[in-house]
PDB file of N, CA and C in Angstrom:
ATOM      1  N   MET A   1       0.845  -1.157   0.000  1.00  0.00           N
ATOM      2  CA  MET A   1       0.000   0.000   0.000  1.00  0.00           C
ATOM      3  C   MET A   1       0.898   1.229   0.000  1.00  0.00           C
ATOM      4  N   ALA A   2       0.619   2.162  -0.853  1.00  0.00           N
ATOM      5  CA  ALA A   2       1.436   3.364  -0.946  1.00  0.00           C
ATOM      6  C   ALA A   2       0.740   4.527  -0.243  1.00  0.00           C
ATOM      7  N   ILE A   3       1.520   5.263   0.518  1.00  0.00           N
ATOM      8  CA  ILE A   3       0.994   6.442   1.201  1.00  0.00           C
ATOM      9  C   ILE A   3       1.625   7.660   0.558  1.00  0.00           C
ATOM     10  N   VAL A   4       0.794   8.626   0.245  1.00  0.00           N
ATOM     11  CA  VAL A   4       1.245   9.836  -0.427  1.00  0.00           C
ATOM     12  C   VAL A   4       0.873  11.026   0.447  1.00  0.00           C
ATOM     13  N   ASN A   5       1.814  11.934   0.678  1.00  0.00           N
ATOM     14  CA  ASN A   5       1.514  13.171   1.395  1.00  0.00           C
ATOM     15  C   ASN A   5       1.064  14.211   0.385  1.00  0.00           C
ATOM     16  N   ILE A   6      -0.012  14.899   0.716  1.00  0.00           N
ATOM     17  CA  ILE A   6      -0.533  15.935  -0.171  1.00  0.00           C
ATOM     18  C   ILE A   6       0.000  17.273   0.315  1.00  0.00           C
ATOM     19  N   GLY A   7       0.882  17.858  -0.466  1.00  0.00           N
ATOM     20  CA  GLY A   7       1.455  19.156  -0.106  1.00  0.00           C
ATOM     21  C   GLY A   7       2.352  19.050   1.111  1.00  0.00           C
ATOM     22  N   SER A   8       3.085  20.093   1.384  1.00  0.00           N
ATOM     23  CA  SER A   8       4.009  20.071   2.511  1.00  0.00           C
ATOM     24  C   SER A   8       3.379  20.628   3.781  1.00  0.00           C
ATOM     25  N   SER A   9       2.198  21.263   3.678  1.00  0.00           N
ATOM     26  CA  SER A   9       1.586  21.877   4.846  1.00  0.00           C
ATOM     27  C   SER A   9       0.686  20.922   5.618  1.00  0.00           C
ATOM     28  N   THR A  10       0.513  19.708   5.130  1.00  0.00           N
ATOM     29  CA  THR A  10      -0.354  18.754   5.823  1.00  0.00           C
ATOM     30  C   THR A  10       0.463  17.571   6.323  1.00  0.00           C
ATOM     31  N   ASN A  11       0.100  17.081   7.462  1.00  0.00           N
ATOM     32  CA  ASN A  11       0.752  15.903   8.019  1.00  0.00           C
ATOM     33  C   ASN A  11      -0.123  14.667   7.851  1.00  0.00           C
ATOM     34  N   SER A  12      -1.246  14.812   7.195  1.00  0.00           N
ATOM     35  CA  SER A  12      -2.212  13.733   7.039  1.00  0.00           C
ATOM     36  C   SER A  12      -1.892  12.908   5.783  1.00  0.00           C
ATOM     37  N   PRO A  13      -1.521  11.649   5.951  1.00  0.00           N
ATOM     38  CA  PRO A  13      -1.243  10.820   4.770  1.00  0.00           C
ATOM     39  C   PRO A  13      -2.533  10.416   4.060  1.00  0.00           C
ATOM     40  N   VAL A  14      -2.452  10.296   2.754  1.00  0.00           N
ATOM     41  CA  VAL A  14      -3.581   9.885   1.925  1.00  0.00           C
ATOM     42  C   VAL A  14      -3.147   8.653   1.152  1.00  0.00           C
ATOM     43  N   LEU A  15      -4.033   7.654   1.073  1.00  0.00           N
ATOM     44  CA  LEU A  15      -3.719   6.449   0.320  1.00  0.00           C
ATOM     45  C   LEU A  15      -3.821   6.729  -1.167  1.00  0.00           C
ATOM     46  N   ASP A  16      -2.831   6.283  -1.904  1.00  0.00           N
ATOM     47  CA  ASP A  16      -2.836   6.440  -3.355  1.00  0.00           C
ATOM     48  C   ASP A  16      -3.805   5.417  -3.931  1.00  0.00           C
ATOM     49  N   PRO A  17      -4.930   5.855  -4.552  1.00  0.00           N
ATOM     50  CA  PRO A  17      -5.933   4.894  -5.041  1.00  0.00           C
ATOM     51  C   PRO A  17      -5.377   3.937  -6.095  1.00  0.00           C
ATOM     52  N   LYS A  18      -4.399   4.373  -6.867  1.00  0.00           N
ATOM     53  CA  LYS A  18      -3.815   3.481  -7.876  1.00  0.00           C
ATOM     54  C   LYS A  18      -3.042   2.348  -7.224  1.00  0.00           C
ATOM     55  N   ALA A  19      -2.430   2.626  -6.095  1.00  0.00           N
ATOM     56  CA  ALA A  19      -1.613   1.616  -5.421  1.00  0.00           C
ATOM     57  C   ALA A  19      -2.439   0.714  -4.507  1.00  0.00           C
ATOM     58  N   THR A  20      -3.643   1.149  -4.125  1.00  0.00           N
ATOM     59  CA  THR A  20      -4.427   0.368  -3.169  1.00  0.00           C
ATOM     60  C   THR A  20      -5.441  -0.558  -3.811  1.00  0.00           C
ATOM     61  N   LYS A  21      -5.643  -0.449  -5.115  1.00  0.00           N
ATOM     62  CA  LYS A  21      -6.612  -1.322  -5.774  1.00  0.00           C
ATOM     63  C   LYS A  21      -6.023  -2.713  -5.952  1.00  0.00           C
ATOM     64  N   ILE A  22      -6.608  -3.658  -5.269  1.00  0.00           N
ATOM     65  CA  ILE A  22      -6.191  -5.044  -5.383  1.00  0.00           C
ATOM     66  C   ILE A  22      -7.388  -5.831  -5.906  1.00  0.00           C
ATOM     67  N   LYS A  23      -7.192  -6.520  -7.018  1.00  0.00           N
ATOM     68  CA  LYS A  23      -8.291  -7.291  -7.602  1.00  0.00           C
ATOM     69  C   LYS A  23      -8.561  -8.513  -6.738  1.00  0.00           C
ATOM     70  N   TYR A  24      -9.800  -8.630  -6.299  1.00  0.00           N
ATOM     71  CA  TYR A  24     -10.202  -9.781  -5.506  1.00  0.00           C
ATOM     72  C   TYR A  24     -10.262 -11.000  -6.421  1.00  0.00           C
ATOM     73  N   PRO A  25      -9.737 -12.137  -5.975  1.00  0.00           N
ATOM     74  CA  PRO A  25      -9.740 -13.321  -6.844  1.00  0.00           C
ATOM     75  C   PRO A  25     -11.157 -13.767  -7.204  1.00  0.00           C
ATOM     76  N   GLU A  26     -11.323 -14.176  -8.446  1.00  0.00           N
ATOM     77  CA  GLU A  26     -12.608 -14.673  -8.912  1.00  0.00           C
ATOM     78  C   GLU A  26     -12.503 -16.169  -9.171  1.00  0.00           C
ATOM     79  N   ALA A  27     -13.666 -16.806  -9.256  1.00  0.00           N
ATOM     80  CA  ALA A  27     -13.696 -18.253  -9.431  1.00  0.00           C
ATOM     81  C   ALA A  27     -14.937 -18.673 -10.203  1.00  0.00           C
ATOM     82  N   ARG A  28     -14.867 -19.905 -10.704  1.00  0.00           N
ATOM     83  CA  ARG A  28     -16.003 -20.510 -11.411  1.00  0.00           C
ATOM     84  C   ARG A  28     -16.460 -21.729 -10.616  1.00  0.00           C
ATOM     85  N   ILE A  29     -17.788 -21.929 -10.588  1.00  0.00           N
ATOM     86  CA  ILE A  29     -18.361 -23.129  -9.978  1.00  0.00           C
ATOM     87  C   ILE A  29     -18.872 -24.005 -11.112  1.00  0.00           C
ATOM     88  N   ILE A  30     -18.440 -25.268 -11.101  1.00  0.00           N
ATOM     89  CA  ILE A  30     -18.809 -26.196 -12.166  1.00  0.00           C
ATOM     90  C   ILE A  30     -19.453 -27.438 -11.559  1.00  0.00           C
ATOM     91  N   VAL A  31     -20.668 -27.745 -12.029  1.00  0.00           N
ATOM     92  CA  VAL A  31     -21.372 -28.960 -11.617  1.00  0.00           C
ATOM     93  C   VAL A  31     -21.034 -30.042 -12.627  1.00  0.00           C
ATOM     94  N   LEU A  32     -20.750 -31.244 -12.117  1.00  0.00           N
ATOM     95  CA  LEU A  32     -20.406 -32.382 -12.959  1.00  0.00           C
ATOM     96  C   LEU A  32     -21.574 -33.357 -13.060  1.00  0.00           C
ATOM     97  N   ASP A  33     -21.625 -34.063 -14.167  1.00  0.00           N
ATOM     98  CA  ASP A  33     -22.651 -35.085 -14.375  1.00  0.00           C
ATOM     99  C   ASP A  33     -22.358 -36.287 -13.474  1.00  0.00           C
ATOM    100  N   ASP A  34     -23.397 -36.938 -13.018  1.00  0.00           N
ATOM    101  CA  ASP A  34     -23.258 -38.177 -12.252  1.00  0.00           C
ATOM    102  C   ASP A  34     -24.452 -39.072 -12.563  1.00  0.00           C
ATOM    103  N   ASP A  35     -24.460 -40.261 -11.989  1.00  0.00           N
ATOM    104  CA  ASP A  35     -25.517 -41.228 -12.280  1.00  0.00           C
ATOM    105  C   ASP A  35     -26.615 -41.277 -11.223  1.00  0.00           C
ATOM    106  N   PHE A  36     -26.580 -40.366 -10.256  1.00  0.00           N
ATOM    107  CA  PHE A  36     -27.569 -40.490  -9.181  1.00  0.00           C
ATOM    108  C   PHE A  36     -28.405 -39.238  -8.930  1.00  0.00           C
ATOM    109  N   ASN A  37     -27.981 -38.075  -9.359  1.00  0.00           N
ATOM    110  CA  ASN A  37     -28.808 -36.876  -9.194  1.00  0.00           C
ATOM    111  C   ASN A  37     -29.714 -36.697 -10.402  1.00  0.00           C
ATOM    112  N   THR A  38     -30.975 -36.432 -10.142  1.00  0.00           N
ATOM    113  CA  THR A  38     -31.945 -36.236 -11.221  1.00  0.00           C
ATOM    114  C   THR A  38     -31.850 -34.806 -11.756  1.00  0.00           C
ATOM    115  N   PHE A  39     -32.392 -34.597 -12.965  1.00  0.00           N
ATOM    116  CA  PHE A  39     -32.474 -33.248 -13.527  1.00  0.00           C
ATOM    117  C   PHE A  39     -33.173 -32.330 -12.538  1.00  0.00           C
ATOM    118  N   GLU A  40     -34.291 -32.804 -12.011  1.00  0.00           N
ATOM    119  CA  GLU A  40     -35.104 -31.996 -11.107  1.00  0.00           C
ATOM    120  C   GLU A  40     -34.315 -31.585  -9.869  1.00  0.00           C
ATOM    121  N   HIS A  41     -33.565 -32.531  -9.283  1.00  0.00           N
ATOM    122  CA  HIS A  41     -32.781 -32.216  -8.086  1.00  0.00           C
ATOM    123  C   HIS A  41     -31.706 -31.173  -8.398  1.00  0.00           C
ATOM    124  N   VAL A  42     -30.995 -31.359  -9.489  1.00  0.00           N
ATOM    125  CA  VAL A  42     -29.941 -30.405  -9.878  1.00  0.00           C
ATOM    126  C   VAL A  42     -30.554 -29.020 -10.111  1.00  0.00           C
ATOM    127  N   ALA A  43     -31.623 -28.965 -10.897  1.00  0.00           N
ATOM    128  CA  ALA A  43     -32.277 -27.686 -11.203  1.00  0.00           C
ATOM    129  C   ALA A  43     -32.786 -27.010  -9.929  1.00  0.00           C
ATOM    130  N   ASN A  44     -33.424 -27.776  -9.046  1.00  0.00           N
ATOM    131  CA  ASN A  44     -33.950 -27.204  -7.801  1.00  0.00           C
ATOM    132  C   ASN A  44     -32.837 -26.665  -6.905  1.00  0.00           C
ATOM    133  N   CYS A  45     -31.733 -27.402  -6.821  1.00  0.00           N
ATOM    134  CA  CYS A  45     -30.598 -26.949  -6.005  1.00  0.00           C
ATOM    135  C   CYS A  45     -30.010 -25.661  -6.563  1.00  0.00           C
ATOM    136  N   LEU A  46     -29.821 -25.606  -7.868  1.00  0.00           N
ATOM    137  CA  LEU A  46     -29.263 -24.400  -8.483  1.00  0.00           C
ATOM    138  C   LEU A  46     -30.164 -23.203  -8.241  1.00  0.00           C
ATOM    139  N   GLN A  47     -31.459 -23.399  -8.418  1.00  0.00           N
ATOM    140  CA  GLN A  47     -32.404 -22.300  -8.241  1.00  0.00           C
ATOM    141  C   GLN A  47     -32.430 -21.830  -6.782  1.00  0.00           C
ATOM    142  N   ALA A  48     -32.308 -22.761  -5.851  1.00  0.00           N
ATOM    143  CA  ALA A  48     -32.378 -22.407  -4.438  1.00  0.00           C
ATOM    144  C   ALA A  48     -31.087 -21.757  -3.918  1.00  0.00           C
ATOM    145  N   ILE A  49     -29.944 -22.115  -4.492  1.00  0.00           N
ATOM    146  CA  ILE A  49     -28.664 -21.690  -3.923  1.00  0.00           C
ATOM    147  C   ILE A  49     -27.993 -20.566  -4.689  1.00  0.00           C
ATOM    148  N   ILE A  50     -28.035 -20.605  -6.004  1.00  0.00           N
ATOM    149  CA  ILE A  50     -27.346 -19.590  -6.805  1.00  0.00           C
ATOM    150  C   ILE A  50     -28.281 -18.391  -6.999  1.00  0.00           C
ATOM    151  N   PRO A  51     -27.898 -17.220  -6.512  1.00  0.00           N
ATOM    152  CA  PRO A  51     -28.780 -16.051  -6.614  1.00  0.00           C
ATOM    153  C   PRO A  51     -29.075 -15.667  -8.068  1.00  0.00           C
ATOM    154  N   GLY A  52     -30.320 -15.347  -8.312  1.00  0.00           N
ATOM    155  CA  GLY A  52     -30.713 -14.818  -9.608  1.00  0.00           C
ATOM    156  C   GLY A  52     -30.946 -15.843 -10.702  1.00  0.00           C
ATOM    157  N   ILE A  53     -30.821 -17.134 -10.403  1.00  0.00           N
ATOM    158  CA  ILE A  53     -31.065 -18.145 -11.438  1.00  0.00           C
ATOM    159  C   ILE A  53     -32.562 -18.438 -11.497  1.00  0.00           C
ATOM    160  N   SER A  54     -33.129 -18.272 -12.672  1.00  0.00           N
ATOM    161  CA  SER A  54     -34.549 -18.553 -12.862  1.00  0.00           C
ATOM    162  C   SER A  54     -34.766 -20.065 -12.956  1.00  0.00           C
ATOM    163  N   LYS A  55     -36.014 -20.461 -12.846  1.00  0.00           N
ATOM    164  CA  LYS A  55     -36.356 -21.874 -12.989  1.00  0.00           C
ATOM    165  C   LYS A  55     -35.940 -22.380 -14.376  1.00  0.00           C
ATOM    166  N   GLU A  56     -36.210 -21.565 -15.390  1.00  0.00           N
ATOM    167  CA  GLU A  56     -35.864 -21.943 -16.762  1.00  0.00           C
ATOM    168  C   GLU A  56     -34.348 -22.124 -16.917  1.00  0.00           C
ATOM    169  N   ARG A  57     -33.558 -21.177 -16.393  1.00  0.00           N
ATOM    170  CA  ARG A  57     -32.099 -21.253 -16.512  1.00  0.00           C
ATOM    171  C   ARG A  57     -31.541 -22.438 -15.730  1.00  0.00           C
ATOM    172  N   SER A  58     -32.114 -22.722 -14.564  1.00  0.00           N
ATOM    173  CA  SER A  58     -31.632 -23.858 -13.780  1.00  0.00           C
ATOM    174  C   SER A  58     -31.860 -25.169 -14.532  1.00  0.00           C
ATOM    175  N   TRP A  59     -32.972 -25.278 -15.248  1.00  0.00           N
ATOM    176  CA  TRP A  59     -33.234 -26.478 -16.054  1.00  0.00           C
ATOM    177  C   TRP A  59     -32.289 -26.547 -17.252  1.00  0.00           C
ATOM    178  N   GLU A  60     -32.017 -25.398 -17.875  1.00  0.00           N
ATOM    179  CA  GLU A  60     -31.048 -25.377 -18.994  1.00  0.00           C
ATOM    180  C   GLU A  60     -29.682 -25.870 -18.526  1.00  0.00           C
ATOM    181  N   LEU A  61     -29.254 -25.429 -17.344  1.00  0.00           N
ATOM    182  CA  LEU A  61     -27.963 -25.860 -16.815  1.00  0.00           C
ATOM    183  C   LEU A  61     -27.969 -27.345 -16.462  1.00  0.00           C
ATOM    184  N   ALA A  62     -29.074 -27.847 -15.917  1.00  0.00           N
ATOM    185  CA  ALA A  62     -29.179 -29.279 -15.604  1.00  0.00           C
ATOM    186  C   ALA A  62     -29.058 -30.114 -16.877  1.00  0.00           C
ATOM    187  N   VAL A  63     -29.685 -29.668 -17.954  1.00  0.00           N
ATOM    188  CA  VAL A  63     -29.582 -30.361 -19.241  1.00  0.00           C
ATOM    189  C   VAL A  63     -28.144 -30.298 -19.755  1.00  0.00           C
ATOM    190  N   GLU A  64     -27.495 -29.140 -19.617  1.00  0.00           N
ATOM    191  CA  GLU A  64     -26.102 -29.001 -20.053  1.00  0.00           C
ATOM    192  C   GLU A  64     -25.180 -29.938 -19.271  1.00  0.00           C
ATOM    193  N   VAL A  65     -25.400 -30.045 -17.972  1.00  0.00           N
ATOM    194  CA  VAL A  65     -24.605 -30.966 -17.157  1.00  0.00           C
ATOM    195  C   VAL A  65     -24.734 -32.380 -17.712  1.00  0.00           C
ATOM    196  N   ASP A  66     -25.961 -32.782 -18.018  1.00  0.00           N
ATOM    197  CA  ASP A  66     -26.197 -34.140 -18.518  1.00  0.00           C
ATOM    198  C   ASP A  66     -25.611 -34.350 -19.911  1.00  0.00           C
ATOM    199  N   SER A  67     -25.813 -33.400 -20.799  1.00  0.00           N
ATOM    200  CA  SER A  67     -25.395 -33.601 -22.188  1.00  0.00           C
ATOM    201  C   SER A  67     -23.908 -33.340 -22.417  1.00  0.00           C
ATOM    202  N   GLU A  68     -23.330 -32.387 -21.695  1.00  0.00           N
ATOM    203  CA  GLU A  68     -21.921 -32.011 -21.891  1.00  0.00           C
ATOM    204  C   GLU A  68     -20.988 -32.621 -20.847  1.00  0.00           C
ATOM    205  N   GLY A  69     -21.560 -33.134 -19.758  1.00  0.00           N
ATOM    206  CA  GLY A  69     -20.734 -33.696 -18.684  1.00  0.00           C
ATOM    207  C   GLY A  69     -20.427 -32.715 -17.574  1.00  0.00           C
ATOM    208  N   SER A  70     -20.651 -31.423 -17.836  1.00  0.00           N
ATOM    209  CA  SER A  70     -20.434 -30.390 -16.823  1.00  0.00           C
ATOM    210  C   SER A  70     -21.047 -29.080 -17.300  1.00  0.00           C
ATOM    211  N   ALA A  71     -21.219 -28.166 -16.354  1.00  0.00           N
ATOM    212  CA  ALA A  71     -21.703 -26.826 -16.697  1.00  0.00           C
ATOM    213  C   ALA A  71     -21.202 -25.833 -15.661  1.00  0.00           C
ATOM    214  N   GLU A  72     -20.761 -24.680 -16.153  1.00  0.00           N
ATOM    215  CA  GLU A  72     -20.424 -23.585 -15.247  1.00  0.00           C
ATOM    216  C   GLU A  72     -21.738 -22.982 -14.793  1.00  0.00           C
ATOM    217  N   VAL A  73     -21.984 -23.004 -13.482  1.00  0.00           N
ATOM    218  CA  VAL A  73     -23.266 -22.518 -12.970  1.00  0.00           C
ATOM    219  C   VAL A  73     -23.165 -21.152 -12.301  1.00  0.00           C
ATOM    220  N   TRP A  74     -21.933 -20.718 -12.016  1.00  0.00           N
ATOM    221  CA  TRP A  74     -21.757 -19.409 -11.397  1.00  0.00           C
ATOM    222  C   TRP A  74     -20.319 -18.968 -11.561  1.00  0.00           C
ATOM    223  N   ARG A  75     -20.117 -17.637 -11.647  1.00  0.00           N
ATOM    224  CA  ARG A  75     -18.787 -17.042 -11.744  1.00  0.00           C
ATOM    225  C   ARG A  75     -18.814 -15.742 -10.956  1.00  0.00           C
ATOM    226  N   GLY A  76     -17.799 -15.553 -10.105  1.00  0.00           N
ATOM    227  CA  GLY A  76     -17.747 -14.330  -9.322  1.00  0.00           C
ATOM    228  C   GLY A  76     -16.682 -14.399  -8.255  1.00  0.00           C
ATOM    229  N   PRO A  77     -16.795 -13.560  -7.217  1.00  0.00           N
ATOM    230  CA  PRO A  77     -15.784 -13.504  -6.164  1.00  0.00           C
ATOM    231  C   PRO A  77     -15.561 -14.869  -5.498  1.00  0.00           C
ATOM    232  N   LEU A  78     -14.290 -15.164  -5.220  1.00  0.00           N
ATOM    233  CA  LEU A  78     -13.901 -16.458  -4.664  1.00  0.00           C
ATOM    234  C   LEU A  78     -14.642 -16.796  -3.374  1.00  0.00           C
ATOM    235  N   GLU A  79     -14.775 -15.839  -2.488  1.00  0.00           N
ATOM    236  CA  GLU A  79     -15.427 -16.104  -1.204  1.00  0.00           C
ATOM    237  C   GLU A  79     -16.877 -16.579  -1.397  1.00  0.00           C
ATOM    238  N   GLN A  80     -17.603 -15.931  -2.290  1.00  0.00           N
ATOM    239  CA  GLN A  80     -18.973 -16.358  -2.577  1.00  0.00           C
ATOM    240  C   GLN A  80     -18.971 -17.719  -3.268  1.00  0.00           C
ATOM    241  N   ALA A  81     -18.018 -17.934  -4.171  1.00  0.00           N
ATOM    242  CA  ALA A  81     -17.927 -19.216  -4.866  1.00  0.00           C
ATOM    243  C   ALA A  81     -17.755 -20.350  -3.866  1.00  0.00           C
ATOM    244  N   GLU A  82     -16.927 -20.136  -2.853  1.00  0.00           N
ATOM    245  CA  GLU A  82     -16.718 -21.165  -1.829  1.00  0.00           C
ATOM    246  C   GLU A  82     -18.020 -21.468  -1.086  1.00  0.00           C
ATOM    247  N   LEU A  83     -18.774 -20.430  -0.769  1.00  0.00           N
ATOM    248  CA  LEU A  83     -20.052 -20.615  -0.077  1.00  0.00           C
ATOM    249  C   LEU A  83     -21.024 -21.424  -0.929  1.00  0.00           C
ATOM    250  N   TYR A  84     -21.220 -21.002  -2.193  1.00  0.00           N
ATOM    251  CA  TYR A  84     -22.169 -21.693  -3.069  1.00  0.00           C
ATOM    252  C   TYR A  84     -21.716 -23.127  -3.337  1.00  0.00           C
ATOM    253  N   GLN A  85     -20.418 -23.319  -3.527  1.00  0.00           N
ATOM    254  CA  GLN A  85     -19.867 -24.658  -3.760  1.00  0.00           C
ATOM    255  C   GLN A  85     -20.208 -25.573  -2.583  1.00  0.00           C
ATOM    256  N   ASN A  86     -19.959 -25.099  -1.369  1.00  0.00           N
ATOM    257  CA  ASN A  86     -20.248 -25.911  -0.180  1.00  0.00           C
ATOM    258  C   ASN A  86     -21.731 -26.217  -0.042  1.00  0.00           C
ATOM    259  N   GLN A  87     -22.574 -25.253  -0.364  1.00  0.00           N
ATOM    260  CA  GLN A  87     -24.014 -25.472  -0.275  1.00  0.00           C
ATOM    261  C   GLN A  87     -24.471 -26.511  -1.309  1.00  0.00           C
ATOM    262  N   LEU A  88     -23.935 -26.442  -2.526  1.00  0.00           N
ATOM    263  CA  LEU A  88     -24.296 -27.421  -3.563  1.00  0.00           C
ATOM    264  C   LEU A  88     -23.777 -28.810  -3.190  1.00  0.00           C
ATOM    265  N   LEU A  89     -22.575 -28.868  -2.644  1.00  0.00           N
ATOM    266  CA  LEU A  89     -22.031 -30.157  -2.190  1.00  0.00           C
ATOM    267  C   LEU A  89     -22.900 -30.766  -1.087  1.00  0.00           C
ATOM    268  N   SER A  90     -23.396 -29.909  -0.189  1.00  0.00           N
ATOM    269  CA  SER A  90     -24.226 -30.409   0.918  1.00  0.00           C
ATOM    270  C   SER A  90     -25.550 -30.992   0.424  1.00  0.00           C
ATOM    271  N   LYS A  91     -25.968 -30.594  -0.776  1.00  0.00           N
ATOM    272  CA  LYS A  91     -27.194 -31.129  -1.378  1.00  0.00           C
ATOM    273  C   LYS A  91     -26.925 -32.384  -2.203  1.00  0.00           C
ATOM    274  N   GLY A  92     -25.644 -32.807  -2.247  1.00  0.00           N
ATOM    275  CA  GLY A  92     -25.311 -34.045  -2.933  1.00  0.00           C
ATOM    276  C   GLY A  92     -24.890 -33.895  -4.388  1.00  0.00           C
ATOM    277  N   LEU A  93     -24.762 -32.653  -4.886  1.00  0.00           N
ATOM    278  CA  LEU A  93     -24.340 -32.484  -6.265  1.00  0.00           C
ATOM    279  C   LEU A  93     -22.851 -32.830  -6.400  1.00  0.00           C
ATOM    280  N   THR A  94     -22.491 -33.325  -7.571  1.00  0.00           N
ATOM    281  CA  THR A  94     -21.100 -33.659  -7.862  1.00  0.00           C
ATOM    282  C   THR A  94     -20.455 -32.413  -8.453  1.00  0.00           C
ATOM    283  N   MET A  95     -19.396 -31.953  -7.807  1.00  0.00           N
ATOM    284  CA  MET A  95     -18.793 -30.674  -8.165  1.00  0.00           C
ATOM    285  C   MET A  95     -17.334 -30.847  -8.558  1.00  0.00           C
ATOM    286  N   ALA A  96     -16.908 -30.042  -9.533  1.00  0.00           N
ATOM    287  CA  ALA A  96     -15.482 -29.923  -9.841  1.00  0.00           C
ATOM    288  C   ALA A  96     -14.861 -29.034  -8.768  1.00  0.00           C
ATOM    289  N   PRO A  97     -13.563 -29.150  -8.555  1.00  0.00           N
ATOM    290  CA  PRO A  97     -12.931 -28.196  -7.614  1.00  0.00           C
ATOM    291  C   PRO A  97     -13.158 -26.769  -8.105  1.00  0.00           C
ATOM    292  N   ILE A  98     -13.230 -25.836  -7.185  1.00  0.00           N
ATOM    293  CA  ILE A  98     -13.403 -24.442  -7.561  1.00  0.00           C
ATOM    294  C   ILE A  98     -12.240 -24.053  -8.463  1.00  0.00           C
ATOM    295  N   GLU A  99     -12.586 -23.406  -9.552  1.00  0.00           N
ATOM    296  CA  GLU A  99     -11.577 -23.005 -10.537  1.00  0.00           C
ATOM    297  C   GLU A  99     -11.357 -21.507 -10.441  1.00  0.00           C
ATOM    298  N   LYS A 100     -10.162 -21.112  -9.964  1.00  0.00           N
ATOM    299  CA  LYS A 100      -9.849 -19.687  -9.868  1.00  0.00           C
ATOM    300  C   LYS A 100      -9.568 -19.147 -11.266  1.00  0.00           C
ATOM    301  N   ILE A 101     -10.072 -17.928 -11.507  1.00  0.00           N
ATOM    302  CA  ILE A 101      -9.861 -17.298 -12.823  1.00  0.00           C
ATOM    303  C   ILE A 101      -9.219 -15.942 -12.670  1.00  0.00           C
TER     304      ILE A 101
END
């Protein structure tokens, strides 16, 4: 973190905004296909846990998991990704390790 003094008449340090911006790590959550979770269970879990996913989108992702073998269901800050990942795991979904981006 860089501290910059503004003028010589002030003793108050000011943080340099260019030096203090640190990009928070982002991550992807990926659900994997398995032989025991139903489309309905996967879709319901996604809709209940991932904010902003509509019923229609959760079903599209469940179909993608089945047909492609996996689907990225969320992307964003690492801390939130860890929370959603743990919640999906607790519901029995098969998950890839969190992928940092």
